[in-house]
Amino acid sequence: MFSYLLAAVRFLGFLVWLFSGFFLTGLVFPLVGWPRKRRIIRLWSRLLLSVLGVRLVVKAAPSAESLHGVMVSNHSSWVDIFAANAVQAVRFISKSEIRDWPVLGVLVTLAGTLYVERGNRSRISQTNSEIRDAVEAGDLVGFYPEGTTTDGTYLLQFKSNLFQPAVDYGMMVYPVAVMYRQDGLPTKLASYAGDTTFGQSFFSLLRVRGLEVHIEYGAPIDARQFEHRAQLAQAAQAAIEQMT
């Protein structure tokens, strides 16, 4: 009974969080620059973790707004994005289909998401230029090189395509490991993989107690040390494997 009451309270909190997102992105964001937007996104993401009852634990945390370049991470949950944003706002690269999602598509677009069209080679150059422009503007651009989610117990081989701008323009690459624990032990409760639907994952999290998301930042990798993107992808994967 208590778990259902807890879920109801959290769901109401989520609705408040969701509508605050529309207010911020629709009315506030058009009036402020990216530095202020980044601070708002960080606080808004922390609010979601609080609403869900997820405790954020950060190791080797950067000072706020100190990173600009490319962030790469393992990926097991939709919560990963908000956990990363709760430390420092990240402009994530996402598949173009998300832009057309009802409600959430509008939110993530206004929050600065960069889109990549899978299988459209003519768009690759434009996407790379958008990544370069974002980094030159002081942003941290993030993506998940596994290309999909797992249950969090293993890493898939990193795809190297989106590492190309880092090599071309000599960017810094920040490897980040994200792990979930419940009562101090590793858990798959937050995973959003396989046949699990978003709804199943979401309503399951509403009832969970004692959940923590652990984020660890590895040593930055200078992309200028690598001639090929595959080598850079391998180095980033090795760094994250050491932390997970």
C-alpha atoms as a PDB file:
ATOM      1  CA  MET A   1       0.000   0.000   0.000  1.00  0.00           C
ATOM      2  CA  PHE A   2       2.786   2.415   0.944  1.00  0.00           C
ATOM      3  CA  SER A   3       4.565   1.874  -2.387  1.00  0.00           C
ATOM      4  CA  TYR A   4       1.428   2.898  -4.302  1.00  0.00           C
ATOM      5  CA  LEU A   5       0.971   5.988  -2.146  1.00  0.00           C
ATOM      6  CA  LEU A   6       4.618   6.880  -2.723  1.00  0.00           C
ATOM      7  CA  ALA A   7       4.152   6.387  -6.474  1.00  0.00           C
ATOM      8  CA  ALA A   8       1.108   8.679  -6.484  1.00  0.00           C
ATOM      9  CA  VAL A   9       2.952  11.454  -4.659  1.00  0.00           C
ATOM     10  CA  ARG A  10       5.942  11.151  -6.980  1.00  0.00           C
ATOM     11  CA  PHE A  11       3.708  11.144 -10.040  1.00  0.00           C
ATOM     12  CA  LEU A  12       2.120  14.414  -8.949  1.00  0.00           C
ATOM     13  CA  GLY A  13       5.599  15.818  -8.417  1.00  0.00           C
ATOM     14  CA  PHE A  14       6.561  14.656 -11.897  1.00  0.00           C
ATOM     15  CA  LEU A  15       3.596  16.486 -13.430  1.00  0.00           C
ATOM     16  CA  VAL A  16       4.657  19.688 -11.662  1.00  0.00           C
ATOM     17  CA  TRP A  17       8.214  19.150 -12.940  1.00  0.00           C
ATOM     18  CA  LEU A  18       6.941  18.547 -16.486  1.00  0.00           C
ATOM     19  CA  PHE A  19       4.808  21.689 -16.605  1.00  0.00           C
ATOM     20  CA  SER A  20       7.651  23.737 -15.129  1.00  0.00           C
ATOM     21  CA  GLY A  21       9.739  22.522 -18.064  1.00  0.00           C
ATOM     22  CA  PHE A  22       7.215  23.922 -20.537  1.00  0.00           C
ATOM     23  CA  PHE A  23       7.180  27.221 -18.676  1.00  0.00           C
ATOM     24  CA  LEU A  24      10.967  27.472 -18.614  1.00  0.00           C
ATOM     25  CA  THR A  25      11.623  26.430 -22.208  1.00  0.00           C
ATOM     26  CA  GLY A  26       8.650  28.266 -23.684  1.00  0.00           C
ATOM     27  CA  LEU A  27       8.740  31.551 -21.762  1.00  0.00           C
ATOM     28  CA  VAL A  28      12.121  31.897 -20.027  1.00  0.00           C
ATOM     29  CA  PHE A  29      14.586  30.328 -22.485  1.00  0.00           C
ATOM     30  CA  PRO A  30      13.807  32.731 -25.366  1.00  0.00           C
ATOM     31  CA  LEU A  31      14.786  35.616 -23.090  1.00  0.00           C
ATOM     32  CA  VAL A  32      18.129  34.353 -21.743  1.00  0.00           C
ATOM     33  CA  GLY A  33      21.475  33.244 -23.165  1.00  0.00           C
ATOM     34  CA  TRP A  34      23.021  29.786 -23.052  1.00  0.00           C
ATOM     35  CA  PRO A  35      25.043  30.350 -19.848  1.00  0.00           C
ATOM     36  CA  ARG A  36      21.838  30.968 -17.906  1.00  0.00           C
ATOM     37  CA  LYS A  37      20.011  28.189 -19.758  1.00  0.00           C
ATOM     38  CA  ARG A  38      22.721  25.757 -18.666  1.00  0.00           C
ATOM     39  CA  ARG A  39      22.209  26.708 -15.014  1.00  0.00           C
ATOM     40  CA  ILE A  40      18.438  26.304 -15.348  1.00  0.00           C
ATOM     41  CA  ILE A  41      18.803  22.877 -16.991  1.00  0.00           C
ATOM     42  CA  ARG A  42      21.109  21.765 -14.194  1.00  0.00           C
ATOM     43  CA  LEU A  43      18.642  22.787 -11.465  1.00  0.00           C
ATOM     44  CA  TRP A  44      15.658  21.376 -13.395  1.00  0.00           C
ATOM     45  CA  SER A  45      17.424  18.022 -13.759  1.00  0.00           C
ATOM     46  CA  ARG A  46      18.285  17.922 -10.064  1.00  0.00           C
ATOM     47  CA  LEU A  47      14.617  18.573  -9.327  1.00  0.00           C
ATOM     48  CA  LEU A  48      13.579  15.510 -11.352  1.00  0.00           C
ATOM     49  CA  LEU A  49      15.993  13.275  -9.449  1.00  0.00           C
ATOM     50  CA  SER A  50      14.569  14.638  -6.214  1.00  0.00           C
ATOM     51  CA  VAL A  51      10.994  14.018  -7.388  1.00  0.00           C
ATOM     52  CA  LEU A  52      11.880  10.412  -8.263  1.00  0.00           C
ATOM     53  CA  GLY A  53      13.672   9.906  -4.948  1.00  0.00           C
ATOM     54  CA  VAL A  54      16.993   9.215  -6.685  1.00  0.00           C
ATOM     55  CA  ARG A  55      20.094  10.310  -4.764  1.00  0.00           C
ATOM     56  CA  LEU A  56      22.907  11.710  -6.915  1.00  0.00           C
ATOM     57  CA  VAL A  57      26.448  10.644  -5.986  1.00  0.00           C
ATOM     58  CA  VAL A  58      29.275  12.204  -7.991  1.00  0.00           C
ATOM     59  CA  LYS A  59      32.936  11.184  -7.990  1.00  0.00           C
ATOM     60  CA  ALA A  60      35.654  13.476  -9.341  1.00  0.00           C
ATOM     61  CA  ALA A  61      32.995  16.076 -10.056  1.00  0.00           C
ATOM     62  CA  PRO A  62      34.019  18.994 -12.259  1.00  0.00           C
ATOM     63  CA  SER A  63      33.358  22.503 -11.079  1.00  0.00           C
ATOM     64  CA  ALA A  64      30.102  23.813 -12.508  1.00  0.00           C
ATOM     65  CA  GLU A  65      30.352  24.948 -16.144  1.00  0.00           C
ATOM     66  CA  SER A  66      34.046  23.967 -16.288  1.00  0.00           C
ATOM     67  CA  LEU A  67      33.850  21.397 -19.095  1.00  0.00           C
ATOM     68  CA  HIS A  68      33.473  22.047 -22.781  1.00  0.00           C
ATOM     69  CA  GLY A  69      34.133  19.473 -25.435  1.00  0.00           C
ATOM     70  CA  VAL A  70      32.570  16.031 -25.822  1.00  0.00           C
ATOM     71  CA  MET A  71      31.187  13.826 -23.044  1.00  0.00           C
ATOM     72  CA  VAL A  72      30.672  10.111 -23.674  1.00  0.00           C
ATOM     73  CA  SER A  73      29.100   7.613 -21.301  1.00  0.00           C
ATOM     74  CA  ASN A  74      27.628   4.164 -20.877  1.00  0.00           C
ATOM     75  CA  HIS A  75      23.850   4.091 -21.184  1.00  0.00           C
ATOM     76  CA  SER A  76      21.301   1.982 -19.319  1.00  0.00           C
ATOM     77  CA  SER A  77      18.430   4.295 -18.379  1.00  0.00           C
ATOM     78  CA  TRP A  78      16.504   7.352 -19.520  1.00  0.00           C
ATOM     79  CA  VAL A  79      17.504   8.793 -16.134  1.00  0.00           C
ATOM     80  CA  ASP A  80      21.143   8.898 -17.347  1.00  0.00           C
ATOM     81  CA  ILE A  81      20.495  12.097 -19.291  1.00  0.00           C
ATOM     82  CA  PHE A  82      19.091  13.971 -16.319  1.00  0.00           C
ATOM     83  CA  ALA A  83      21.774  12.658 -13.979  1.00  0.00           C
ATOM     84  CA  ALA A  84      24.482  14.025 -16.287  1.00  0.00           C
ATOM     85  CA  ASN A  85      22.634  17.329 -16.652  1.00  0.00           C
ATOM     86  CA  ALA A  86      22.335  17.583 -12.876  1.00  0.00           C
ATOM     87  CA  VAL A  87      26.124  17.894 -12.682  1.00  0.00           C
ATOM     88  CA  GLN A  88      26.671  20.098 -15.728  1.00  0.00           C
ATOM     89  CA  ALA A  89      24.250  20.865 -18.529  1.00  0.00           C
ATOM     90  CA  VAL A  90      24.973  18.779 -21.623  1.00  0.00           C
ATOM     91  CA  ARG A  91      23.754  19.285 -25.179  1.00  0.00           C
ATOM     92  CA  PHE A  92      23.011  15.686 -26.082  1.00  0.00           C
ATOM     93  CA  ILE A  93      23.062  14.300 -29.605  1.00  0.00           C
ATOM     94  CA  SER A  94      19.948  12.291 -30.306  1.00  0.00           C
ATOM     95  CA  LYS A  95      18.253  10.506 -33.172  1.00  0.00           C
ATOM     96  CA  SER A  96      16.057  12.842 -35.210  1.00  0.00           C
ATOM     97  CA  GLU A  97      12.887  10.847 -34.467  1.00  0.00           C
ATOM     98  CA  ILE A  98      12.824  12.210 -30.902  1.00  0.00           C
ATOM     99  CA  ARG A  99      12.275  15.716 -32.275  1.00  0.00           C
ATOM    100  CA  ASP A 100       8.822  14.583 -33.429  1.00  0.00           C
ATOM    101  CA  TRP A 101       7.760  13.032 -30.115  1.00  0.00           C
ATOM    102  CA  PRO A 102       4.668  14.705 -28.632  1.00  0.00           C
ATOM    103  CA  VAL A 103       5.402  16.858 -25.576  1.00  0.00           C
ATOM    104  CA  LEU A 104       8.925  15.581 -24.821  1.00  0.00           C
ATOM    105  CA  GLY A 105      10.158  16.344 -28.330  1.00  0.00           C
ATOM    106  CA  VAL A 106       9.401  20.026 -27.848  1.00  0.00           C
ATOM    107  CA  LEU A 107      11.104  20.095 -24.450  1.00  0.00           C
ATOM    108  CA  VAL A 108      14.355  18.450 -25.505  1.00  0.00           C
ATOM    109  CA  THR A 109      14.579  20.557 -28.668  1.00  0.00           C
ATOM    110  CA  LEU A 110      14.198  23.818 -26.753  1.00  0.00           C
ATOM    111  CA  ALA A 111      16.789  22.546 -24.266  1.00  0.00           C
ATOM    112  CA  GLY A 112      19.384  22.506 -27.049  1.00  0.00           C
ATOM    113  CA  THR A 113      19.429  18.889 -28.233  1.00  0.00           C
ATOM    114  CA  LEU A 114      21.414  18.279 -31.431  1.00  0.00           C
ATOM    115  CA  TYR A 115      19.930  15.787 -33.863  1.00  0.00           C
ATOM    116  CA  VAL A 116      21.484  13.216 -36.146  1.00  0.00           C
ATOM    117  CA  GLU A 117      19.569  11.524 -38.957  1.00  0.00           C
ATOM    118  CA  ARG A 118      20.576   7.879 -39.097  1.00  0.00           C
ATOM    119  CA  GLY A 119      21.462   6.657 -42.578  1.00  0.00           C
ATOM    120  CA  ASN A 120      21.495  10.161 -44.066  1.00  0.00           C
ATOM    121  CA  ARG A 121      25.098  10.641 -45.191  1.00  0.00           C
ATOM    122  CA  SER A 122      24.355  14.088 -46.592  1.00  0.00           C
ATOM    123  CA  ARG A 123      23.631  15.312 -43.045  1.00  0.00           C
ATOM    124  CA  ILE A 124      26.843  14.048 -41.467  1.00  0.00           C
ATOM    125  CA  SER A 125      28.892  17.099 -42.389  1.00  0.00           C
ATOM    126  CA  GLN A 126      26.208  19.452 -41.049  1.00  0.00           C
ATOM    127  CA  THR A 127      25.930  17.486 -37.789  1.00  0.00           C
ATOM    128  CA  ASN A 128      29.717  17.629 -37.338  1.00  0.00           C
ATOM    129  CA  SER A 129      29.647  21.395 -37.908  1.00  0.00           C
ATOM    130  CA  GLU A 130      26.862  21.794 -35.335  1.00  0.00           C
ATOM    131  CA  ILE A 131      28.917  19.860 -32.784  1.00  0.00           C
ATOM    132  CA  ARG A 132      31.956  22.026 -33.502  1.00  0.00           C
ATOM    133  CA  ASP A 133      29.928  25.247 -33.188  1.00  0.00           C
ATOM    134  CA  ALA A 134      28.402  24.124 -29.886  1.00  0.00           C
ATOM    135  CA  VAL A 135      31.802  23.278 -28.387  1.00  0.00           C
ATOM    136  CA  GLU A 136      33.324  26.537 -29.620  1.00  0.00           C
ATOM    137  CA  ALA A 137      30.443  28.344 -27.905  1.00  0.00           C
ATOM    138  CA  GLY A 138      31.513  26.734 -24.602  1.00  0.00           C
ATOM    139  CA  ASP A 139      29.021  23.874 -24.485  1.00  0.00           C
ATOM    140  CA  LEU A 140      29.536  20.289 -23.429  1.00  0.00           C
ATOM    141  CA  VAL A 141      28.156  17.998 -26.146  1.00  0.00           C
ATOM    142  CA  GLY A 142      27.228  14.474 -25.066  1.00  0.00           C
ATOM    143  CA  PHE A 143      26.360  11.197 -26.722  1.00  0.00           C
ATOM    144  CA  TYR A 144      26.120   7.505 -25.927  1.00  0.00           C
ATOM    145  CA  PRO A 145      28.481   5.621 -28.257  1.00  0.00           C
ATOM    146  CA  GLU A 146      26.954   2.207 -27.529  1.00  0.00           C
ATOM    147  CA  GLY A 147      24.062   3.348 -29.708  1.00  0.00           C
ATOM    148  CA  THR A 148      21.443   1.790 -27.421  1.00  0.00           C
ATOM    149  CA  THR A 149      20.776   0.979 -23.769  1.00  0.00           C
ATOM    150  CA  THR A 150      21.877  -2.092 -21.814  1.00  0.00           C
ATOM    151  CA  ASP A 151      20.888  -3.385 -18.370  1.00  0.00           C
ATOM    152  CA  GLY A 152      23.976  -1.668 -16.962  1.00  0.00           C
ATOM    153  CA  THR A 153      26.053  -4.794 -16.278  1.00  0.00           C
ATOM    154  CA  TYR A 154      28.194  -4.637 -19.419  1.00  0.00           C
ATOM    155  CA  LEU A 155      29.370  -2.331 -22.221  1.00  0.00           C
ATOM    156  CA  LEU A 156      28.665  -2.757 -25.906  1.00  0.00           C
ATOM    157  CA  GLN A 157      31.410  -1.899 -28.371  1.00  0.00           C
ATOM    158  CA  PHE A 158      31.492   1.845 -28.934  1.00  0.00           C
ATOM    159  CA  LYS A 159      30.469   3.112 -32.362  1.00  0.00           C
ATOM    160  CA  SER A 160      33.020   5.611 -33.629  1.00  0.00           C
ATOM    161  CA  ASN A 161      31.007   7.837 -36.020  1.00  0.00           C
ATOM    162  CA  LEU A 162      30.275  10.701 -33.635  1.00  0.00           C
ATOM    163  CA  PHE A 163      33.883  10.822 -32.443  1.00  0.00           C
ATOM    164  CA  GLN A 164      34.891  12.279 -35.815  1.00  0.00           C
ATOM    165  CA  PRO A 165      34.365  15.968 -34.889  1.00  0.00           C
ATOM    166  CA  ALA A 166      36.549  15.509 -31.798  1.00  0.00           C
ATOM    167  CA  VAL A 167      39.371  14.215 -34.004  1.00  0.00           C
ATOM    168  CA  ASP A 168      38.833  16.809 -36.728  1.00  0.00           C
ATOM    169  CA  TYR A 169      38.814  19.782 -34.362  1.00  0.00           C
ATOM    170  CA  GLY A 170      41.083  18.530 -31.556  1.00  0.00           C
ATOM    171  CA  MET A 171      38.467  18.489 -28.799  1.00  0.00           C
ATOM    172  CA  MET A 172      38.697  17.226 -25.258  1.00  0.00           C
ATOM    173  CA  VAL A 173      36.713  14.045 -24.618  1.00  0.00           C
ATOM    174  CA  TYR A 174      35.361  13.351 -21.117  1.00  0.00           C
ATOM    175  CA  PRO A 175      34.599   9.693 -20.305  1.00  0.00           C
ATOM    176  CA  VAL A 176      31.830   9.316 -17.744  1.00  0.00           C
ATOM    177  CA  ALA A 177      30.578   6.159 -16.026  1.00  0.00           C
ATOM    178  CA  VAL A 178      26.989   5.967 -14.745  1.00  0.00           C
ATOM    179  CA  MET A 179      25.964   3.243 -12.294  1.00  0.00           C
ATOM    180  CA  TYR A 180      22.841   2.585 -10.215  1.00  0.00           C
ATOM    181  CA  ARG A 181      22.737   1.209  -6.681  1.00  0.00           C
ATOM    182  CA  GLN A 182      19.972   0.398  -4.248  1.00  0.00           C
ATOM    183  CA  ASP A 183      20.866   0.315  -0.575  1.00  0.00           C
ATOM    184  CA  GLY A 184      24.527   0.290  -1.603  1.00  0.00           C
ATOM    185  CA  LEU A 185      24.301  -2.664  -4.005  1.00  0.00           C
ATOM    186  CA  PRO A 186      24.328  -2.625  -7.847  1.00  0.00           C
ATOM    187  CA  THR A 187      20.826  -2.790  -9.310  1.00  0.00           C
ATOM    188  CA  LYS A 188      19.091  -3.066 -12.684  1.00  0.00           C
ATOM    189  CA  LEU A 189      15.947  -1.335 -11.409  1.00  0.00           C
ATOM    190  CA  ALA A 190      16.615   1.829 -13.408  1.00  0.00           C
ATOM    191  CA  SER A 191      17.496   0.074 -16.652  1.00  0.00           C
ATOM    192  CA  TYR A 192      15.471   0.852 -19.749  1.00  0.00           C
ATOM    193  CA  ALA A 193      16.564  -1.875 -22.144  1.00  0.00           C
ATOM    194  CA  GLY A 194      15.348  -4.894 -24.064  1.00  0.00           C
ATOM    195  CA  ASP A 195      11.554  -5.306 -24.089  1.00  0.00           C
ATOM    196  CA  THR A 196      11.024  -2.848 -21.234  1.00  0.00           C
ATOM    197  CA  THR A 197       8.784   0.037 -22.281  1.00  0.00           C
ATOM    198  CA  PHE A 198       9.231   3.602 -21.081  1.00  0.00           C
ATOM    199  CA  GLY A 199       5.968   3.351 -19.162  1.00  0.00           C
ATOM    200  CA  GLN A 200       7.097   0.201 -17.365  1.00  0.00           C
ATOM    201  CA  SER A 201      10.419   1.771 -16.465  1.00  0.00           C
ATOM    202  CA  PHE A 202       8.841   5.031 -15.329  1.00  0.00           C
ATOM    203  CA  PHE A 203       6.157   3.539 -13.080  1.00  0.00           C
ATOM    204  CA  SER A 204       8.628   1.053 -11.650  1.00  0.00           C
ATOM    205  CA  LEU A 205      10.923   3.895 -10.585  1.00  0.00           C
ATOM    206  CA  LEU A 206       8.040   5.705  -8.903  1.00  0.00           C
ATOM    207  CA  ARG A 207       7.789   2.858  -6.357  1.00  0.00           C
ATOM    208  CA  VAL A 208      11.517   2.314  -5.716  1.00  0.00           C
ATOM    209  CA  ARG A 209      13.163   3.422  -2.471  1.00  0.00           C
ATOM    210  CA  GLY A 210      16.860   3.813  -1.693  1.00  0.00           C
ATOM    211  CA  LEU A 211      17.955   4.274  -5.317  1.00  0.00           C
ATOM    212  CA  GLU A 212      21.217   6.083  -6.059  1.00  0.00           C
ATOM    213  CA  VAL A 213      22.777   7.110  -9.357  1.00  0.00           C
ATOM    214  CA  HIS A 214      26.567   7.205  -9.225  1.00  0.00           C
ATOM    215  CA  ILE A 215      28.455   9.297 -11.771  1.00  0.00           C
ATOM    216  CA  GLU A 216      32.215   9.115 -12.069  1.00  0.00           C
ATOM    217  CA  TYR A 217      34.300  11.372 -14.283  1.00  0.00           C
ATOM    218  CA  GLY A 218      37.448   9.885 -15.773  1.00  0.00           C
ATOM    219  CA  ALA A 219      40.579  11.709 -16.857  1.00  0.00           C
ATOM    220  CA  PRO A 220      39.956  13.867 -19.947  1.00  0.00           C
ATOM    221  CA  ILE A 221      41.210  12.457 -23.246  1.00  0.00           C
ATOM    222  CA  ASP A 222      42.876  14.828 -25.727  1.00  0.00           C
ATOM    223  CA  ALA A 223      41.567  13.866 -29.179  1.00  0.00           C
ATOM    224  CA  ARG A 224      44.661  15.436 -30.764  1.00  0.00           C
ATOM    225  CA  GLN A 225      46.569  12.328 -29.683  1.00  0.00           C
ATOM    226  CA  PHE A 226      44.607  10.170 -32.128  1.00  0.00           C
ATOM    227  CA  GLU A 227      44.683  10.030 -35.901  1.00  0.00           C
ATOM    228  CA  HIS A 228      41.531   7.952 -36.302  1.00  0.00           C
ATOM    229  CA  ARG A 229      38.169   8.088 -34.589  1.00  0.00           C
ATOM    230  CA  ALA A 230      38.168   4.318 -33.953  1.00  0.00           C
ATOM    231  CA  GLN A 231      41.283   4.686 -31.792  1.00  0.00           C
ATOM    232  CA  LEU A 232      39.639   7.481 -29.820  1.00  0.00           C
ATOM    233  CA  ALA A 233      36.464   5.427 -29.344  1.00  0.00           C
ATOM    234  CA  GLN A 234      38.525   2.504 -28.035  1.00  0.00           C
ATOM    235  CA  ALA A 235      40.360   4.770 -25.580  1.00  0.00           C
ATOM    236  CA  ALA A 236      37.083   6.208 -24.286  1.00  0.00           C
ATOM    237  CA  GLN A 237      35.566   2.754 -23.873  1.00  0.00           C
ATOM    238  CA  ALA A 238      38.626   1.483 -21.999  1.00  0.00           C
ATOM    239  CA  ALA A 239      38.416   4.461 -19.620  1.00  0.00           C
ATOM    240  CA  ILE A 240      34.746   3.819 -18.850  1.00  0.00           C
ATOM    241  CA  GLU A 241      35.307   0.074 -18.434  1.00  0.00           C
ATOM    242  CA  GLN A 242      37.879   0.824 -15.736  1.00  0.00           C
ATOM    243  CA  MET A 243      35.306   2.835 -13.807  1.00  0.00           C
ATOM    244  CA  THR A 244      32.347   0.453 -14.069  1.00  0.00           C
END
